[in-house]
Amino acid sequence: MMPSIVLLLVTLAYPIFYTIDISFSTFDLSTFGADEWVGWANYEDVLNDYRFWDALKVTLVYLVFALPLQVALGFAIAFLINAEWGGRGMVRALFIIPMVVAPVVAGGIWRMILDPLWGLMNYALQGIGIGPLDWFGDANLAMAAVIIIDTWRWTPFIVLIATAALLALPKDVFEAAKIDGANWWSTLWSIALPLLIPIITATFVIRWLGAVKMFDIVLAATYGGPGKATNVLNLFIYEEAFRSLRFAESSAMAVIVLVLTMVLTGIFLYGSRKLEERF
């Protein structure tokens, strides 16, 4: 296992410790490394910067709406495509397409689809008497657009996990329920969902770890706009580092995000274990 351990240390440990070192120092652009030790000064600057808190709030709004929607939609679709009906194999194959599209490409495609003047979405909405909507000019609609794009891209991933979980469920339990006269809804609510609770919570944690890194779709679709309505934390850190050249402060932000992510992930894992013990 030594080659794998060395590879992990080089690709993970070194960048993390390099970022931590920079976050406690001033940054020297000539050497592209830490210069003078300043202690917690960079962290104080970050915590006193209202733009950091605004970006954190935007990220939390995205997470609160996107994660439950994707998990619920993914498992619902998995239930539907695992039912007996013609053509479900082709539908399963089509669901993989969003996963293989590059995030930047997905953001660009959806920017065209949601264009207020000639986008397909507004054309369809006008057919039922709605719109046209300025998806990228209105703050609330811009966040909704980001959530729609991200949900389109990542729901298939959850569908695959849910499908595998459904196929692994014990068949004798469902046969016994059918013999006892349980209908489709009773079987779903009283048998399938309790058996799937550990998988659902584990899927939520996995998707959380991916969603907290949201960057590329926002960069391609809205670039944080309008104003700062979709300026998520990772985009803000990128802007501060590579456009404003505030590498020390952006490193402090990255460390804060890392700590928050680890704490929340620990809480989610603890809750997941409790649910597994209960069900």
C-alpha atoms as a PDB file:
ATOM      1  CA  MET A   1       0.000   0.000   0.000  1.00  0.00           C
ATOM      2  CA  MET A   2       3.014   2.300   0.247  1.00  0.00           C
ATOM      3  CA  PRO A   3       2.748   3.700  -3.332  1.00  0.00           C
ATOM      4  CA  SER A   4      -0.891   4.640  -2.708  1.00  0.00           C
ATOM      5  CA  ILE A   5      -0.066   6.211   0.654  1.00  0.00           C
ATOM      6  CA  VAL A   6       2.738   8.281  -0.881  1.00  0.00           C
ATOM      7  CA  LEU A   7       0.453   9.392  -3.721  1.00  0.00           C
ATOM      8  CA  LEU A   8      -2.227  10.487  -1.250  1.00  0.00           C
ATOM      9  CA  LEU A   9       0.309  12.380   0.847  1.00  0.00           C
ATOM     10  CA  VAL A  10       1.623  14.226  -2.207  1.00  0.00           C
ATOM     11  CA  THR A  11      -1.771  15.046  -3.744  1.00  0.00           C
ATOM     12  CA  LEU A  12      -3.733  15.736  -0.538  1.00  0.00           C
ATOM     13  CA  ALA A  13      -1.573  16.369   2.513  1.00  0.00           C
ATOM     14  CA  TYR A  14       0.959  18.729   0.938  1.00  0.00           C
ATOM     15  CA  PRO A  15      -1.617  21.161  -0.579  1.00  0.00           C
ATOM     16  CA  ILE A  16      -3.573  21.233   2.685  1.00  0.00           C
ATOM     17  CA  PHE A  17      -0.554  22.032   4.840  1.00  0.00           C
ATOM     18  CA  TYR A  18       0.705  24.516   2.235  1.00  0.00           C
ATOM     19  CA  THR A  19      -2.656  26.334   2.411  1.00  0.00           C
ATOM     20  CA  ILE A  20      -2.622  26.313   6.214  1.00  0.00           C
ATOM     21  CA  ASP A  21       0.912  27.730   6.229  1.00  0.00           C
ATOM     22  CA  ILE A  22      -0.095  30.553   3.879  1.00  0.00           C
ATOM     23  CA  SER A  23      -3.214  31.328   5.921  1.00  0.00           C
ATOM     24  CA  PHE A  24      -1.054  32.248   8.945  1.00  0.00           C
ATOM     25  CA  SER A  25       1.409  34.382   6.961  1.00  0.00           C
ATOM     26  CA  THR A  26       1.711  37.164   4.454  1.00  0.00           C
ATOM     27  CA  PHE A  27       2.085  35.973   0.880  1.00  0.00           C
ATOM     28  CA  ASP A  28       5.156  36.678  -1.242  1.00  0.00           C
ATOM     29  CA  LEU A  29       4.198  36.768  -4.927  1.00  0.00           C
ATOM     30  CA  SER A  30       7.836  36.564  -6.033  1.00  0.00           C
ATOM     31  CA  THR A  31       8.358  33.163  -4.387  1.00  0.00           C
ATOM     32  CA  PHE A  32       4.657  32.195  -4.391  1.00  0.00           C
ATOM     33  CA  GLY A  33       4.887  31.076  -0.802  1.00  0.00           C
ATOM     34  CA  ALA A  34       4.504  32.131   2.817  1.00  0.00           C
ATOM     35  CA  ASP A  35       6.565  35.109   3.937  1.00  0.00           C
ATOM     36  CA  GLU A  36       6.115  36.743   7.359  1.00  0.00           C
ATOM     37  CA  TRP A  37       4.170  34.982  10.117  1.00  0.00           C
ATOM     38  CA  VAL A  38       1.110  37.057  11.121  1.00  0.00           C
ATOM     39  CA  GLY A  39      -0.780  34.576  13.311  1.00  0.00           C
ATOM     40  CA  TRP A  40      -4.565  34.903  13.220  1.00  0.00           C
ATOM     41  CA  ALA A  41      -4.580  38.260  11.402  1.00  0.00           C
ATOM     42  CA  ASN A  42      -5.782  36.777   8.101  1.00  0.00           C
ATOM     43  CA  TYR A  43      -8.594  34.934   9.854  1.00  0.00           C
ATOM     44  CA  GLU A  44      -9.654  38.137  11.625  1.00  0.00           C
ATOM     45  CA  ASP A  45      -9.758  39.941   8.277  1.00  0.00           C
ATOM     46  CA  VAL A  46     -11.907  37.192   6.794  1.00  0.00           C
ATOM     47  CA  LEU A  47     -14.333  37.039   9.716  1.00  0.00           C
ATOM     48  CA  ASN A  48     -14.708  40.837   9.616  1.00  0.00           C
ATOM     49  CA  ASP A  49     -15.377  40.841   5.871  1.00  0.00           C
ATOM     50  CA  TYR A  50     -19.129  41.046   5.209  1.00  0.00           C
ATOM     51  CA  ARG A  51     -18.562  39.630   1.708  1.00  0.00           C
ATOM     52  CA  PHE A  52     -17.391  36.330   3.213  1.00  0.00           C
ATOM     53  CA  TRP A  53     -20.582  36.046   5.269  1.00  0.00           C
ATOM     54  CA  ASP A  54     -22.692  36.950   2.247  1.00  0.00           C
ATOM     55  CA  ALA A  55     -21.003  34.199   0.211  1.00  0.00           C
ATOM     56  CA  LEU A  56     -21.499  31.756   3.089  1.00  0.00           C
ATOM     57  CA  LYS A  57     -25.207  32.629   3.230  1.00  0.00           C
ATOM     58  CA  VAL A  58     -25.560  32.121  -0.532  1.00  0.00           C
ATOM     59  CA  THR A  59     -23.848  28.722  -0.235  1.00  0.00           C
ATOM     60  CA  LEU A  60     -26.145  27.664   2.610  1.00  0.00           C
ATOM     61  CA  VAL A  61     -29.229  28.676   0.618  1.00  0.00           C
ATOM     62  CA  TYR A  62     -28.014  26.566  -2.278  1.00  0.00           C
ATOM     63  CA  LEU A  63     -27.287  23.566  -0.036  1.00  0.00           C
ATOM     64  CA  VAL A  64     -30.607  23.756   1.858  1.00  0.00           C
ATOM     65  CA  PHE A  65     -32.631  23.682  -1.353  1.00  0.00           C
ATOM     66  CA  ALA A  66     -30.479  21.582  -3.687  1.00  0.00           C
ATOM     67  CA  LEU A  67     -29.482  18.630  -1.493  1.00  0.00           C
ATOM     68  CA  PRO A  68     -32.951  17.516  -0.254  1.00  0.00           C
ATOM     69  CA  LEU A  69     -34.388  18.067  -3.736  1.00  0.00           C
ATOM     70  CA  GLN A  70     -31.727  15.928  -5.412  1.00  0.00           C
ATOM     71  CA  VAL A  71     -31.933  13.094  -2.876  1.00  0.00           C
ATOM     72  CA  ALA A  72     -35.753  13.001  -2.914  1.00  0.00           C
ATOM     73  CA  LEU A  73     -35.927  13.251  -6.705  1.00  0.00           C
ATOM     74  CA  GLY A  74     -33.191  10.659  -7.195  1.00  0.00           C
ATOM     75  CA  PHE A  75     -34.868   8.005  -5.039  1.00  0.00           C
ATOM     76  CA  ALA A  76     -38.315   8.797  -6.491  1.00  0.00           C
ATOM     77  CA  ILE A  77     -37.024   8.326 -10.039  1.00  0.00           C
ATOM     78  CA  ALA A  78     -35.242   5.128  -8.983  1.00  0.00           C
ATOM     79  CA  PHE A  79     -38.550   3.720  -7.698  1.00  0.00           C
ATOM     80  CA  LEU A  80     -40.245   4.573 -11.010  1.00  0.00           C
ATOM     81  CA  ILE A  81     -37.601   3.154 -13.352  1.00  0.00           C
ATOM     82  CA  ASN A  82     -37.394  -0.056 -11.312  1.00  0.00           C
ATOM     83  CA  ALA A  83     -41.085  -0.737 -11.784  1.00  0.00           C
ATOM     84  CA  GLU A  84     -42.140  -3.118 -14.551  1.00  0.00           C
ATOM     85  CA  TRP A  85     -42.825  -1.116 -17.729  1.00  0.00           C
ATOM     86  CA  GLY A  86     -41.569  -1.121 -21.289  1.00  0.00           C
ATOM     87  CA  GLY A  87     -38.582   0.981 -22.219  1.00  0.00           C
ATOM     88  CA  ARG A  88     -37.176   1.377 -18.725  1.00  0.00           C
ATOM     89  CA  GLY A  89     -33.768   0.086 -19.866  1.00  0.00           C
ATOM     90  CA  MET A  90     -33.431   2.934 -22.367  1.00  0.00           C
ATOM     91  CA  VAL A  91     -34.537   5.474 -19.748  1.00  0.00           C
ATOM     92  CA  ARG A  92     -31.875   4.167 -17.357  1.00  0.00           C
ATOM     93  CA  ALA A  93     -29.228   4.630 -20.047  1.00  0.00           C
ATOM     94  CA  LEU A  94     -30.391   8.177 -20.825  1.00  0.00           C
ATOM     95  CA  PHE A  95     -30.106   9.160 -17.176  1.00  0.00           C
ATOM     96  CA  ILE A  96     -26.341   8.689 -17.341  1.00  0.00           C
ATOM     97  CA  ILE A  97     -25.885  11.467 -19.926  1.00  0.00           C
ATOM     98  CA  PRO A  98     -25.877  14.462 -17.505  1.00  0.00           C
ATOM     99  CA  MET A  99     -23.153  12.804 -15.430  1.00  0.00           C
ATOM    100  CA  VAL A 100     -20.700  12.611 -18.331  1.00  0.00           C
ATOM    101  CA  VAL A 101     -21.217  16.219 -19.472  1.00  0.00           C
ATOM    102  CA  ALA A 102     -18.480  18.547 -18.224  1.00  0.00           C
ATOM    103  CA  PRO A 103     -19.802  21.052 -15.640  1.00  0.00           C
ATOM    104  CA  VAL A 104     -18.663  24.059 -17.665  1.00  0.00           C
ATOM    105  CA  VAL A 105     -20.395  22.666 -20.749  1.00  0.00           C
ATOM    106  CA  ALA A 106     -23.545  21.969 -18.710  1.00  0.00           C
ATOM    107  CA  GLY A 107     -23.545  25.539 -17.412  1.00  0.00           C
ATOM    108  CA  GLY A 108     -23.136  26.928 -20.936  1.00  0.00           C
ATOM    109  CA  ILE A 109     -25.893  24.724 -22.374  1.00  0.00           C
ATOM    110  CA  TRP A 110     -28.332  25.666 -19.626  1.00  0.00           C
ATOM    111  CA  ARG A 111     -27.455  29.327 -20.030  1.00  0.00           C
ATOM    112  CA  MET A 112     -28.724  29.040 -23.606  1.00  0.00           C
ATOM    113  CA  ILE A 113     -31.796  27.055 -22.536  1.00  0.00           C
ATOM    114  CA  LEU A 114     -32.699  29.666 -19.893  1.00  0.00           C
ATOM    115  CA  ASP A 115     -31.917  32.687 -22.058  1.00  0.00           C
ATOM    116  CA  PRO A 116     -34.742  35.251 -21.499  1.00  0.00           C
ATOM    117  CA  LEU A 117     -35.051  36.122 -25.214  1.00  0.00           C
ATOM    118  CA  TRP A 118     -34.663  32.899 -27.198  1.00  0.00           C
ATOM    119  CA  GLY A 119     -34.218  30.125 -24.640  1.00  0.00           C
ATOM    120  CA  LEU A 120     -36.288  26.942 -24.853  1.00  0.00           C
ATOM    121  CA  MET A 121     -37.407  27.191 -21.219  1.00  0.00           C
ATOM    122  CA  ASN A 122     -39.121  30.556 -21.677  1.00  0.00           C
ATOM    123  CA  TYR A 123     -40.632  29.359 -24.963  1.00  0.00           C
ATOM    124  CA  ALA A 124     -42.204  26.407 -23.147  1.00  0.00           C
ATOM    125  CA  LEU A 125     -43.367  28.562 -20.216  1.00  0.00           C
ATOM    126  CA  GLN A 126     -44.981  31.093 -22.547  1.00  0.00           C
ATOM    127  CA  GLY A 127     -46.989  28.225 -23.999  1.00  0.00           C
ATOM    128  CA  ILE A 128     -48.776  27.899 -20.645  1.00  0.00           C
ATOM    129  CA  GLY A 129     -49.032  31.638 -20.071  1.00  0.00           C
ATOM    130  CA  ILE A 130     -45.930  32.197 -17.900  1.00  0.00           C
ATOM    131  CA  GLY A 131     -43.064  34.543 -18.592  1.00  0.00           C
ATOM    132  CA  PRO A 132     -40.810  35.380 -20.167  1.00  0.00           C
ATOM    133  CA  LEU A 133     -38.625  35.098 -17.079  1.00  0.00           C
ATOM    134  CA  ASP A 134     -35.244  36.761 -16.695  1.00  0.00           C
ATOM    135  CA  TRP A 135     -33.475  33.752 -15.189  1.00  0.00           C
ATOM    136  CA  PHE A 136     -30.086  35.418 -14.854  1.00  0.00           C
ATOM    137  CA  GLY A 137     -31.223  38.977 -14.173  1.00  0.00           C
ATOM    138  CA  ASP A 138     -33.379  38.279 -11.121  1.00  0.00           C
ATOM    139  CA  ALA A 139     -31.565  37.295  -7.898  1.00  0.00           C
ATOM    140  CA  ASN A 140     -34.096  34.644  -6.823  1.00  0.00           C
ATOM    141  CA  LEU A 141     -34.435  33.166 -10.304  1.00  0.00           C
ATOM    142  CA  ALA A 142     -30.657  33.052 -10.731  1.00  0.00           C
ATOM    143  CA  MET A 143     -30.306  30.895  -7.622  1.00  0.00           C
ATOM    144  CA  ALA A 144     -33.206  28.745  -8.855  1.00  0.00           C
ATOM    145  CA  ALA A 145     -31.383  28.357 -12.188  1.00  0.00           C
ATOM    146  CA  VAL A 146     -28.208  27.208 -10.427  1.00  0.00           C
ATOM    147  CA  ILE A 147     -30.199  24.673  -8.404  1.00  0.00           C
ATOM    148  CA  ILE A 148     -31.967  23.423 -11.559  1.00  0.00           C
ATOM    149  CA  ILE A 149     -28.677  22.954 -13.418  1.00  0.00           C
ATOM    150  CA  ASP A 150     -26.992  21.233 -10.478  1.00  0.00           C
ATOM    151  CA  THR A 151     -30.031  19.000  -9.912  1.00  0.00           C
ATOM    152  CA  TRP A 152     -30.093  18.040 -13.592  1.00  0.00           C
ATOM    153  CA  ARG A 153     -26.441  17.067 -13.412  1.00  0.00           C
ATOM    154  CA  TRP A 154     -26.297  15.196 -10.109  1.00  0.00           C
ATOM    155  CA  THR A 155     -29.713  13.547  -9.732  1.00  0.00           C
ATOM    156  CA  PRO A 156     -28.668  10.691 -12.086  1.00  0.00           C
ATOM    157  CA  PHE A 157     -25.795   9.895  -9.721  1.00  0.00           C
ATOM    158  CA  ILE A 158     -28.286   9.472  -6.872  1.00  0.00           C
ATOM    159  CA  VAL A 159     -30.586   7.476  -9.156  1.00  0.00           C
ATOM    160  CA  LEU A 160     -27.773   4.988  -9.812  1.00  0.00           C
ATOM    161  CA  ILE A 161     -27.068   4.572  -6.092  1.00  0.00           C
ATOM    162  CA  ALA A 162     -30.783   4.225  -5.296  1.00  0.00           C
ATOM    163  CA  THR A 163     -31.279   1.694  -8.104  1.00  0.00           C
ATOM    164  CA  ALA A 164     -28.433  -0.447  -6.809  1.00  0.00           C
ATOM    165  CA  ALA A 165     -29.872  -0.207  -3.277  1.00  0.00           C
ATOM    166  CA  LEU A 166     -33.343  -1.233  -4.454  1.00  0.00           C
ATOM    167  CA  LEU A 167     -31.964  -4.243  -6.328  1.00  0.00           C
ATOM    168  CA  ALA A 168     -30.101  -5.318  -3.176  1.00  0.00           C
ATOM    169  CA  LEU A 169     -33.186  -5.286  -0.927  1.00  0.00           C
ATOM    170  CA  PRO A 170     -34.332  -8.738   0.300  1.00  0.00           C
ATOM    171  CA  LYS A 171     -37.039 -10.030  -2.054  1.00  0.00           C
ATOM    172  CA  ASP A 172     -38.673 -12.337   0.518  1.00  0.00           C
ATOM    173  CA  VAL A 173     -39.838  -9.361   2.618  1.00  0.00           C
ATOM    174  CA  PHE A 174     -41.686  -7.857  -0.354  1.00  0.00           C
ATOM    175  CA  GLU A 175     -43.154 -11.241  -1.316  1.00  0.00           C
ATOM    176  CA  ALA A 176     -44.463 -11.663   2.232  1.00  0.00           C
ATOM    177  CA  ALA A 177     -46.012  -8.188   2.122  1.00  0.00           C
ATOM    178  CA  LYS A 178     -47.674  -8.993  -1.202  1.00  0.00           C
ATOM    179  CA  ILE A 179     -49.100 -12.222   0.191  1.00  0.00           C
ATOM    180  CA  ASP A 180     -50.442 -10.291   3.196  1.00  0.00           C
ATOM    181  CA  GLY A 181     -52.286  -7.944   0.822  1.00  0.00           C
ATOM    182  CA  ALA A 182     -50.110  -4.830   1.133  1.00  0.00           C
ATOM    183  CA  ASN A 183     -50.624  -2.347  -1.688  1.00  0.00           C
ATOM    184  CA  TRP A 184     -47.905  -0.430  -3.527  1.00  0.00           C
ATOM    185  CA  TRP A 185     -47.988   2.570  -1.183  1.00  0.00           C
ATOM    186  CA  SER A 186     -47.917   0.457   1.994  1.00  0.00           C
ATOM    187  CA  THR A 187     -45.004  -1.564   0.656  1.00  0.00           C
ATOM    188  CA  LEU A 188     -43.095   1.607  -0.213  1.00  0.00           C
ATOM    189  CA  TRP A 189     -43.793   3.485   3.026  1.00  0.00           C
ATOM    190  CA  SER A 190     -43.608   0.630   5.550  1.00  0.00           C
ATOM    191  CA  ILE A 191     -40.967  -1.658   4.039  1.00  0.00           C
ATOM    192  CA  ALA A 192     -38.845  -0.091   1.304  1.00  0.00           C
ATOM    193  CA  LEU A 193     -38.172   3.289   2.897  1.00  0.00           C
ATOM    194  CA  PRO A 194     -37.200   1.947   6.364  1.00  0.00           C
ATOM    195  CA  LEU A 195     -34.823  -0.514   4.700  1.00  0.00           C
ATOM    196  CA  LEU A 196     -33.352   2.282   2.587  1.00  0.00           C
ATOM    197  CA  ILE A 197     -32.834   4.811   5.417  1.00  0.00           C
ATOM    198  CA  PRO A 198     -29.115   3.938   5.860  1.00  0.00           C
ATOM    199  CA  ILE A 199     -28.546   4.222   2.102  1.00  0.00           C
ATOM    200  CA  ILE A 200     -30.459   7.508   1.913  1.00  0.00           C
ATOM    201  CA  THR A 201     -28.423   9.063   4.724  1.00  0.00           C
ATOM    202  CA  ALA A 202     -25.142   7.787   3.256  1.00  0.00           C
ATOM    203  CA  THR A 203     -26.133   9.193  -0.147  1.00  0.00           C
ATOM    204  CA  PHE A 204     -26.931  12.537   1.462  1.00  0.00           C
ATOM    205  CA  VAL A 205     -23.463  12.667   3.060  1.00  0.00           C
ATOM    206  CA  ILE A 206     -21.746  11.749  -0.224  1.00  0.00           C
ATOM    207  CA  ARG A 207     -23.701  14.367  -2.144  1.00  0.00           C
ATOM    208  CA  TRP A 208     -23.055  16.945   0.604  1.00  0.00           C
ATOM    209  CA  LEU A 209     -19.310  16.490   0.187  1.00  0.00           C
ATOM    210  CA  GLY A 210     -19.676  17.175  -3.524  1.00  0.00           C
ATOM    211  CA  ALA A 211     -22.168  20.046  -3.250  1.00  0.00           C
ATOM    212  CA  VAL A 212     -20.102  22.022  -0.740  1.00  0.00           C
ATOM    213  CA  LYS A 213     -17.436  22.330  -3.478  1.00  0.00           C
ATOM    214  CA  MET A 214     -19.864  24.036  -5.897  1.00  0.00           C
ATOM    215  CA  PHE A 215     -17.865  26.243  -8.251  1.00  0.00           C
ATOM    216  CA  ASP A 216     -17.775  25.288 -11.922  1.00  0.00           C
ATOM    217  CA  ILE A 217     -21.498  25.450 -12.726  1.00  0.00           C
ATOM    218  CA  VAL A 218     -21.836  28.887 -11.106  1.00  0.00           C
ATOM    219  CA  LEU A 219     -18.721  30.071 -12.934  1.00  0.00           C
ATOM    220  CA  ALA A 220     -20.130  28.986 -16.305  1.00  0.00           C
ATOM    221  CA  ALA A 221     -23.780  29.927 -15.820  1.00  0.00           C
ATOM    222  CA  THR A 222     -23.985  33.088 -13.689  1.00  0.00           C
ATOM    223  CA  TYR A 223     -20.450  34.034 -12.587  1.00  0.00           C
ATOM    224  CA  GLY A 224     -21.894  34.844  -9.180  1.00  0.00           C
ATOM    225  CA  GLY A 225     -24.494  37.289 -10.514  1.00  0.00           C
ATOM    226  CA  PRO A 226     -26.703  39.133 -10.695  1.00  0.00           C
ATOM    227  CA  GLY A 227     -24.791  41.238  -8.201  1.00  0.00           C
ATOM    228  CA  LYS A 228     -23.632  38.623  -5.691  1.00  0.00           C
ATOM    229  CA  ALA A 229     -26.855  36.574  -5.633  1.00  0.00           C
ATOM    230  CA  THR A 230     -25.121  33.314  -6.651  1.00  0.00           C
ATOM    231  CA  ASN A 231     -21.604  34.117  -5.430  1.00  0.00           C
ATOM    232  CA  VAL A 232     -20.924  30.860  -3.573  1.00  0.00           C
ATOM    233  CA  LEU A 233     -17.942  30.526  -1.243  1.00  0.00           C
ATOM    234  CA  ASN A 234     -15.638  28.704  -3.626  1.00  0.00           C
ATOM    235  CA  LEU A 235     -16.203  31.285  -6.353  1.00  0.00           C
ATOM    236  CA  PHE A 236     -15.551  34.079  -3.851  1.00  0.00           C
ATOM    237  CA  ILE A 237     -12.318  32.396  -2.717  1.00  0.00           C
ATOM    238  CA  TYR A 238     -11.242  32.004  -6.354  1.00  0.00           C
ATOM    239  CA  GLU A 239     -11.943  35.662  -7.080  1.00  0.00           C
ATOM    240  CA  GLU A 240     -10.034  36.846  -4.004  1.00  0.00           C
ATOM    241  CA  ALA A 241      -7.038  34.637  -4.773  1.00  0.00           C
ATOM    242  CA  PHE A 242      -6.562  34.804  -8.531  1.00  0.00           C
ATOM    243  CA  ARG A 243      -8.094  38.177  -9.371  1.00  0.00           C
ATOM    244  CA  SER A 244      -7.454  40.278  -6.270  1.00  0.00           C
ATOM    245  CA  LEU A 245      -4.216  38.367  -5.470  1.00  0.00           C
ATOM    246  CA  ARG A 246      -5.191  38.093  -1.791  1.00  0.00           C
ATOM    247  CA  PHE A 247      -3.773  34.594  -1.455  1.00  0.00           C
ATOM    248  CA  ALA A 248      -3.251  34.725   2.309  1.00  0.00           C
ATOM    249  CA  GLU A 249      -6.841  35.789   3.042  1.00  0.00           C
ATOM    250  CA  SER A 250      -8.288  33.322   0.526  1.00  0.00           C
ATOM    251  CA  SER A 251      -6.223  30.531   2.110  1.00  0.00           C
ATOM    252  CA  ALA A 252      -7.724  31.450   5.489  1.00  0.00           C
ATOM    253  CA  MET A 253     -11.190  31.232   3.912  1.00  0.00           C
ATOM    254  CA  ALA A 254     -10.355  27.821   2.453  1.00  0.00           C
ATOM    255  CA  VAL A 255      -9.228  26.549   5.863  1.00  0.00           C
ATOM    256  CA  ILE A 256     -12.412  27.865   7.491  1.00  0.00           C
ATOM    257  CA  VAL A 257     -14.512  26.102   4.842  1.00  0.00           C
ATOM    258  CA  LEU A 258     -12.506  22.900   5.369  1.00  0.00           C
ATOM    259  CA  VAL A 259     -13.099  22.986   9.140  1.00  0.00           C
ATOM    260  CA  LEU A 260     -16.814  23.721   8.738  1.00  0.00           C
ATOM    261  CA  THR A 261     -17.130  20.892   6.210  1.00  0.00           C
ATOM    262  CA  MET A 262     -15.373  18.433   8.525  1.00  0.00           C
ATOM    263  CA  VAL A 263     -17.562  19.402  11.488  1.00  0.00           C
ATOM    264  CA  LEU A 264     -20.824  19.166   9.550  1.00  0.00           C
ATOM    265  CA  THR A 265     -19.739  15.913   7.892  1.00  0.00           C
ATOM    266  CA  GLY A 266     -19.005  14.471  11.336  1.00  0.00           C
ATOM    267  CA  ILE A 267     -22.483  15.501  12.506  1.00  0.00           C
ATOM    268  CA  PHE A 268     -24.083  13.933   9.426  1.00  0.00           C
ATOM    269  CA  LEU A 269     -22.122  10.701   9.880  1.00  0.00           C
ATOM    270  CA  TYR A 270     -23.137  10.545  13.549  1.00  0.00           C
ATOM    271  CA  GLY A 271     -26.774  11.039  12.570  1.00  0.00           C
ATOM    272  CA  SER A 272     -26.405   8.408   9.869  1.00  0.00           C
ATOM    273  CA  ARG A 273     -25.108   5.846  12.371  1.00  0.00           C
ATOM    274  CA  LYS A 274     -27.991   6.622  14.726  1.00  0.00           C
ATOM    275  CA  LEU A 275     -30.503   6.079  11.924  1.00  0.00           C
ATOM    276  CA  GLU A 276     -28.818   2.791  10.980  1.00  0.00           C
ATOM    277  CA  GLU A 277     -29.062   1.596  14.585  1.00  0.00           C
ATOM    278  CA  ARG A 278     -32.733   2.588  14.728  1.00  0.00           C
ATOM    279  CA  PHE A 279     -33.793   1.015  11.438  1.00  0.00           C
END
